[in-house]
């Protein structure tokens, strides 16, 4: 039995279809942006900055095993997701605490 060697190209085969299912399931929940807390206008289409974007909570660049984990996805605005980038400790501008606790 011949096995194809594992390469980046064939290890990602089928990933886009699986990601589309995860993204679409998250979008169907119609939640507000989990990064800024504001509502998302789901009628806006990509690449509008306020359109829906499925955000990896723990960026897959640092956590490749979570790339297709539905539990690692949250709703966000495209702009918020792009601002976050691959930063695992992103805060959507909540500012600093008003006092030390």
N, C-alpha and C. Protein backbone atom coordinates (compact mmCIF):
# COMPACT_ATOMS: atom_id res chain seq x y z
N UNK A 1 0.84 -1.17 0.00
CA UNK A 1 0.00 0.00 0.00
C UNK A 1 0.89 1.24 0.00
N UNK A 2 0.65 2.13 -0.94
CA UNK A 2 1.43 3.36 -1.08
C UNK A 2 0.78 4.47 -0.27
N UNK A 3 1.58 5.11 0.54
CA UNK A 3 1.10 6.28 1.30
C UNK A 3 1.80 7.51 0.78
N UNK A 4 1.01 8.55 0.57
CA UNK A 4 1.56 9.82 0.13
C UNK A 4 2.27 10.47 1.32
N UNK A 5 3.49 11.00 1.10
CA UNK A 5 4.18 11.66 2.22
C UNK A 5 3.39 12.87 2.71
N UNK A 6 3.46 13.12 4.00
CA UNK A 6 2.74 14.27 4.57
C UNK A 6 3.52 15.54 4.26
N UNK A 7 2.86 16.44 3.58
CA UNK A 7 3.43 17.75 3.27
C UNK A 7 2.41 18.80 3.70
N UNK A 8 2.82 20.04 3.75
CA UNK A 8 1.90 21.11 4.11
C UNK A 8 0.70 21.13 3.16
N UNK A 9 0.94 20.94 1.88
CA UNK A 9 -0.15 20.99 0.90
C UNK A 9 -1.18 19.90 1.13
N UNK A 10 -0.74 18.66 1.31
CA UNK A 10 -1.74 17.61 1.45
C UNK A 10 -2.24 17.46 2.89
N UNK A 11 -1.53 18.00 3.89
CA UNK A 11 -2.05 17.95 5.25
C UNK A 11 -3.17 18.96 5.43
N UNK A 12 -3.23 19.98 4.59
CA UNK A 12 -4.28 21.00 4.67
C UNK A 12 -5.45 20.68 3.75
N UNK A 13 -5.37 19.58 3.01
CA UNK A 13 -6.44 19.21 2.10
C UNK A 13 -7.74 19.06 2.87
N UNK A 14 -8.79 19.67 2.41
CA UNK A 14 -10.09 19.60 3.07
C UNK A 14 -10.26 20.64 4.17
N UNK A 15 -9.19 21.34 4.51
CA UNK A 15 -9.27 22.32 5.59
C UNK A 15 -10.23 23.45 5.26
N UNK A 16 -10.20 23.94 4.03
CA UNK A 16 -11.05 25.08 3.70
C UNK A 16 -12.53 24.73 3.80
N UNK A 17 -12.91 23.52 3.42
CA UNK A 17 -14.31 23.11 3.53
C UNK A 17 -14.71 22.97 4.99
N UNK A 18 -13.84 22.40 5.80
CA UNK A 18 -14.14 22.26 7.23
C UNK A 18 -14.21 23.63 7.90
N UNK A 19 -13.27 24.52 7.53
CA UNK A 19 -13.28 25.87 8.11
C UNK A 19 -14.56 26.59 7.70
N UNK A 20 -15.00 26.44 6.47
CA UNK A 20 -16.23 27.09 6.00
C UNK A 20 -17.43 26.64 6.84
N UNK A 21 -17.50 25.36 7.19
CA UNK A 21 -18.59 24.86 8.02
C UNK A 21 -18.54 25.48 9.42
N UNK A 22 -17.35 25.55 9.99
CA UNK A 22 -17.18 26.13 11.32
C UNK A 22 -17.54 27.61 11.30
N UNK A 23 -17.02 28.32 10.30
CA UNK A 23 -17.30 29.76 10.16
C UNK A 23 -18.79 30.01 9.98
N UNK A 24 -19.43 29.24 9.10
CA UNK A 24 -20.85 29.44 8.84
C UNK A 24 -21.71 29.12 10.06
N UNK A 25 -21.33 28.11 10.83
CA UNK A 25 -22.06 27.78 12.05
C UNK A 25 -21.95 28.92 13.05
N UNK A 26 -20.75 29.49 13.17
CA UNK A 26 -20.57 30.62 14.09
C UNK A 26 -21.37 31.82 13.62
N UNK A 27 -21.34 32.09 12.33
CA UNK A 27 -22.07 33.23 11.77
C UNK A 27 -23.57 33.09 12.01
N UNK A 28 -24.09 31.87 11.92
CA UNK A 28 -25.53 31.65 12.08
C UNK A 28 -26.01 31.97 13.50
N UNK A 29 -25.10 32.05 14.45
CA UNK A 29 -25.46 32.37 15.83
C UNK A 29 -25.76 33.85 16.01
N UNK A 30 -25.26 34.70 15.09
CA UNK A 30 -25.55 36.13 15.04
C UNK A 30 -25.26 36.84 16.36
N UNK A 31 -24.09 36.53 16.90
CA UNK A 31 -23.65 37.11 18.17
C UNK A 31 -22.97 38.46 17.95
N UNK A 32 -22.87 39.28 19.00
CA UNK A 32 -22.09 40.52 18.88
C UNK A 32 -20.60 40.20 18.82
N UNK A 33 -19.82 41.19 18.50
CA UNK A 33 -18.37 41.04 18.43
C UNK A 33 -17.83 40.70 19.81
N UNK A 34 -17.11 39.61 19.92
CA UNK A 34 -16.56 39.19 21.20
C UNK A 34 -15.30 39.97 21.56
N UNK A 35 -14.81 40.79 20.65
CA UNK A 35 -13.61 41.59 20.93
C UNK A 35 -13.96 42.98 21.43
N UNK A 36 -14.98 43.62 20.82
CA UNK A 36 -15.34 44.98 21.24
C UNK A 36 -16.70 45.04 21.93
N UNK A 37 -17.50 43.98 21.81
CA UNK A 37 -18.80 43.93 22.46
C UNK A 37 -19.94 44.57 21.68
N UNK A 38 -19.63 45.19 20.54
CA UNK A 38 -20.66 45.89 19.76
C UNK A 38 -21.36 44.92 18.81
N UNK A 39 -22.60 45.24 18.41
CA UNK A 39 -23.33 44.39 17.46
C UNK A 39 -22.60 44.31 16.12
N UNK A 40 -22.80 43.21 15.43
CA UNK A 40 -22.26 43.01 14.08
C UNK A 40 -23.41 43.12 13.11
N UNK A 41 -23.24 43.90 12.05
CA UNK A 41 -24.25 44.00 10.99
C UNK A 41 -23.99 42.84 10.03
N UNK A 42 -24.75 41.77 10.18
CA UNK A 42 -24.53 40.57 9.39
C UNK A 42 -24.92 40.72 7.92
N UNK A 43 -25.53 41.85 7.56
CA UNK A 43 -25.84 42.09 6.14
C UNK A 43 -24.63 42.63 5.38
N UNK A 44 -23.63 43.12 6.11
CA UNK A 44 -22.42 43.65 5.46
C UNK A 44 -21.56 42.50 4.95
N UNK A 45 -20.98 42.69 3.80
CA UNK A 45 -20.16 41.65 3.17
C UNK A 45 -18.68 41.98 3.33
N UNK A 46 -17.86 40.93 3.40
CA UNK A 46 -16.41 41.07 3.41
C UNK A 46 -16.00 41.79 2.14
N UNK A 47 -15.13 42.76 2.16
CA UNK A 47 -14.19 43.16 3.19
C UNK A 47 -14.61 44.41 3.97
N UNK A 48 -15.89 44.65 4.15
CA UNK A 48 -16.31 45.81 4.94
C UNK A 48 -15.75 45.64 6.36
N UNK A 49 -15.15 46.70 6.93
CA UNK A 49 -14.51 46.59 8.24
C UNK A 49 -15.46 46.16 9.37
N UNK A 50 -16.74 46.44 9.21
CA UNK A 50 -17.71 46.07 10.26
C UNK A 50 -18.42 44.75 9.96
N UNK A 51 -18.00 44.05 8.89
CA UNK A 51 -18.62 42.76 8.54
C UNK A 51 -18.19 41.68 9.52
N UNK A 52 -18.91 40.57 9.51
CA UNK A 52 -18.61 39.42 10.37
C UNK A 52 -17.26 38.79 9.98
N UNK A 53 -16.54 38.38 11.00
CA UNK A 53 -15.31 37.61 10.80
C UNK A 53 -15.25 36.56 11.90
N UNK A 54 -14.95 35.33 11.54
CA UNK A 54 -14.77 34.27 12.53
C UNK A 54 -13.34 34.37 13.05
N UNK A 55 -13.21 34.64 14.33
CA UNK A 55 -11.92 34.87 14.96
C UNK A 55 -11.48 33.63 15.74
N UNK A 56 -10.23 33.24 15.55
CA UNK A 56 -9.64 32.19 16.39
C UNK A 56 -9.29 32.82 17.73
N UNK A 57 -9.89 32.33 18.80
CA UNK A 57 -9.63 32.87 20.14
C UNK A 57 -8.15 32.72 20.46
N UNK A 58 -7.63 31.53 20.31
CA UNK A 58 -6.20 31.26 20.46
C UNK A 58 -5.67 31.14 19.03
N UNK A 59 -4.89 32.11 18.57
CA UNK A 59 -4.44 32.11 17.18
C UNK A 59 -3.79 30.79 16.77
N UNK A 60 -4.20 30.29 15.60
CA UNK A 60 -3.69 28.99 15.16
C UNK A 60 -2.22 29.03 14.77
N UNK A 61 -1.66 30.22 14.56
CA UNK A 61 -0.23 30.29 14.30
C UNK A 61 0.56 29.78 15.51
N UNK A 62 0.01 30.01 16.72
CA UNK A 62 0.65 29.57 17.95
C UNK A 62 0.07 28.25 18.47
N UNK A 63 -1.12 27.89 17.98
CA UNK A 63 -1.84 26.71 18.45
C UNK A 63 -2.42 25.96 17.25
N UNK A 64 -1.58 25.36 16.41
CA UNK A 64 -2.07 24.74 15.18
C UNK A 64 -3.10 23.64 15.42
N UNK A 65 -3.04 22.99 16.58
CA UNK A 65 -4.01 21.93 16.88
C UNK A 65 -5.42 22.49 17.10
N UNK A 66 -5.55 23.80 17.29
CA UNK A 66 -6.85 24.42 17.51
C UNK A 66 -7.42 25.08 16.25
N UNK A 67 -6.72 24.92 15.14
CA UNK A 67 -7.14 25.60 13.90
C UNK A 67 -8.58 25.28 13.51
N UNK A 68 -8.99 24.03 13.64
CA UNK A 68 -10.33 23.63 13.23
C UNK A 68 -11.18 23.18 14.41
N UNK A 69 -10.91 23.74 15.57
CA UNK A 69 -11.68 23.42 16.77
C UNK A 69 -12.80 24.45 16.90
N UNK A 70 -14.06 24.04 16.75
CA UNK A 70 -15.17 25.00 16.84
C UNK A 70 -15.20 25.74 18.18
N UNK A 71 -14.65 25.16 19.23
CA UNK A 71 -14.61 25.81 20.53
C UNK A 71 -13.58 26.92 20.60
N UNK A 72 -12.78 27.07 19.55
CA UNK A 72 -11.75 28.10 19.50
C UNK A 72 -12.14 29.24 18.57
N UNK A 73 -13.43 29.36 18.29
CA UNK A 73 -13.92 30.37 17.34
C UNK A 73 -14.92 31.29 18.03
N UNK A 74 -14.81 32.56 17.74
CA UNK A 74 -15.76 33.54 18.25
C UNK A 74 -16.12 34.52 17.14
N UNK A 75 -17.25 35.18 17.31
CA UNK A 75 -17.69 36.19 16.34
C UNK A 75 -16.95 37.49 16.59
N UNK A 76 -16.59 38.16 15.49
CA UNK A 76 -15.93 39.46 15.60
C UNK A 76 -16.21 40.27 14.35
N UNK A 77 -15.94 41.57 14.46
CA UNK A 77 -15.91 42.42 13.26
C UNK A 77 -14.60 42.12 12.54
N UNK A 78 -14.60 42.27 11.25
CA UNK A 78 -13.36 42.08 10.48
C UNK A 78 -12.27 43.00 11.01
N UNK A 79 -12.61 44.27 11.25
CA UNK A 79 -11.61 45.24 11.74
C UNK A 79 -11.04 44.81 13.09
N UNK A 80 -11.90 44.35 14.00
CA UNK A 80 -11.43 43.91 15.32
C UNK A 80 -10.51 42.70 15.19
N UNK A 81 -10.89 41.77 14.33
CA UNK A 81 -10.09 40.56 14.12
C UNK A 81 -8.73 40.93 13.52
N UNK A 82 -8.73 41.82 12.55
CA UNK A 82 -7.47 42.24 11.94
C UNK A 82 -6.59 42.99 12.94
N UNK A 83 -7.20 43.78 13.81
CA UNK A 83 -6.44 44.50 14.83
C UNK A 83 -5.81 43.53 15.82
N UNK A 84 -6.54 42.50 16.15
CA UNK A 84 -6.04 41.49 17.07
C UNK A 84 -4.87 40.74 16.47
N UNK A 85 -4.95 40.41 15.19
CA UNK A 85 -3.89 39.65 14.54
C UNK A 85 -3.67 38.32 15.24
N UNK A 86 -2.43 37.95 15.45
CA UNK A 86 -2.14 36.68 16.11
C UNK A 86 -1.74 36.89 17.58
N UNK A 87 -2.19 38.01 18.14
CA UNK A 87 -1.90 38.34 19.53
C UNK A 87 -2.82 37.54 20.45
N UNK A 88 -2.26 36.68 21.27
CA UNK A 88 -3.05 35.85 22.18
C UNK A 88 -3.57 36.63 23.38
N UNK A 89 -3.03 37.81 23.63
CA UNK A 89 -3.39 38.58 24.81
C UNK A 89 -4.01 39.92 24.42
N UNK A 90 -4.80 39.91 23.34
CA UNK A 90 -5.41 41.13 22.81
C UNK A 90 -6.52 41.63 23.71
N UNK A 91 -6.58 42.93 23.88
CA UNK A 91 -7.68 43.60 24.56
C UNK A 91 -8.20 44.67 23.61
N UNK A 92 -9.49 44.71 23.43
CA UNK A 92 -10.09 45.63 22.45
C UNK A 92 -10.19 47.05 23.00
N UNK A 93 -9.09 47.54 23.52
CA UNK A 93 -9.07 48.93 23.97
C UNK A 93 -9.89 49.20 25.20
N UNK A 94 -9.97 48.25 26.10
CA UNK A 94 -10.74 48.45 27.32
C UNK A 94 -10.05 49.42 28.26
N UNK A 95 -8.79 49.71 28.00
CA UNK A 95 -8.06 50.66 28.83
C UNK A 95 -7.50 50.01 30.07
N UNK A 96 -6.88 50.81 30.88
CA UNK A 96 -6.29 50.28 32.10
C UNK A 96 -7.29 50.45 33.26
N UNK A 97 -7.08 49.72 34.31
CA UNK A 97 -7.95 49.79 35.48
C UNK A 97 -7.89 51.20 36.07
N UNK A 98 -9.03 51.67 36.59
CA UNK A 98 -9.07 53.02 37.15
C UNK A 98 -8.39 53.09 38.51
N UNK A 99 -8.22 51.93 39.13
CA UNK A 99 -7.51 51.88 40.40
C UNK A 99 -6.84 50.52 40.56
N UNK A 100 -5.87 50.47 41.41
CA UNK A 100 -5.19 49.22 41.66
C UNK A 100 -5.98 48.44 42.70
N UNK A 101 -6.26 47.20 42.41
CA UNK A 101 -7.03 46.35 43.33
C UNK A 101 -6.11 45.40 44.05
